[in-house]
Amino acid sequence: MTTKRTPPSLTQLVDHYRRAQNDLEDARLALIDGIRTEYAAGMRQADIVRGIDHVWSDEYVRKIVKGLV
């Protein structure tokens, strides 16, 4: 016997979406801090871009290390 689950309400879906966006922002800020830390320790920008698997472009990483982001 299977029980049919009630789909989540719009309110629940919005709450989940907001939590996910907050988590994404926290992850973005942590990655920015990590990039700045690695750059300050002497890692080259090209190596940073490879290290983050090209999640962000060379130009965006350049802005991060210059403090523009």
Protein backbone atom coordinates (compact mmCIF):
# COMPACT_ATOMS: atom_id res chain seq x y z
CA MET A 1 0.00 0.00 0.00
CA THR A 2 1.42 3.33 -1.04
CA THR A 3 0.55 6.56 0.61
CA LYS A 4 0.02 9.52 -1.64
CA ARG A 5 2.07 12.47 -0.46
CA THR A 6 0.62 15.93 -0.46
CA PRO A 7 2.67 18.26 -2.66
CA PRO A 8 4.34 21.15 -0.83
CA SER A 9 2.47 24.41 -0.62
CA LEU A 10 3.66 27.53 -2.39
CA THR A 11 4.68 28.95 0.98
CA GLN A 12 6.86 25.90 1.65
CA LEU A 13 8.38 26.11 -1.81
CA VAL A 14 9.15 29.81 -1.38
CA ASP A 15 10.75 29.13 2.02
CA HIS A 16 12.88 26.40 0.46
CA TYR A 17 13.85 28.72 -2.41
CA ARG A 18 14.87 31.50 -0.02
CA ARG A 19 16.95 29.12 2.09
CA ALA A 20 18.66 27.86 -1.07
CA GLN A 21 19.40 31.42 -2.20
CA ASN A 22 20.84 32.27 1.23
CA ASP A 23 22.98 29.13 1.11
CA LEU A 24 24.17 30.08 -2.38
CA GLU A 25 25.12 33.58 -1.21
CA ASP A 26 27.01 32.11 1.76
CA ALA A 27 28.87 29.75 -0.59
CA ARG A 28 29.66 32.62 -3.00
CA LEU A 29 31.11 34.75 -0.19
CA ALA A 30 33.12 31.80 1.14
CA LEU A 31 34.54 31.16 -2.33
CA ILE A 32 35.47 34.83 -2.69
CA ASP A 33 37.26 34.71 0.68
CA GLY A 34 39.04 31.52 -0.37
CA ILE A 35 40.17 33.08 -3.64
CA ARG A 36 41.52 36.14 -1.84
CA THR A 37 43.32 33.94 0.68
CA GLU A 38 44.96 31.84 -2.03
CA TYR A 39 45.94 34.94 -4.00
CA ALA A 40 47.44 36.56 -0.89
CA ALA A 41 49.42 33.34 -0.32
CA GLY A 42 50.94 33.71 -3.79
CA MET A 43 48.73 31.60 -6.01
CA ARG A 44 48.51 32.91 -9.58
CA GLN A 45 45.13 33.96 -10.95
CA ALA A 46 45.32 31.37 -13.74
CA ASP A 47 45.89 28.64 -11.15
CA ILE A 48 42.98 29.94 -9.09
CA VAL A 49 40.66 29.80 -12.11
CA ARG A 50 41.75 26.22 -12.78
CA GLY A 51 41.40 25.42 -9.07
CA ILE A 52 37.79 26.58 -9.03
CA ASP A 53 37.12 24.55 -12.19
CA HIS A 54 36.30 27.67 -14.21
CA VAL A 55 33.15 28.31 -12.16
CA TRP A 56 33.93 32.00 -12.61
CA SER A 57 35.76 33.71 -15.45
CA ASP A 58 39.32 35.06 -15.41
CA GLU A 59 37.87 38.58 -15.44
CA TYR A 60 35.67 37.94 -12.40
CA VAL A 61 38.59 36.41 -10.47
CA ARG A 62 40.67 39.47 -11.42
CA LYS A 63 37.97 41.72 -9.95
CA ILE A 64 37.88 39.63 -6.78
CA VAL A 65 41.61 39.83 -6.14
CA LYS A 66 41.58 43.57 -6.84
CA GLY A 67 38.83 44.00 -4.24
CA LEU A 68 36.21 45.15 -6.75
CA VAL A 69 33.77 42.40 -5.78
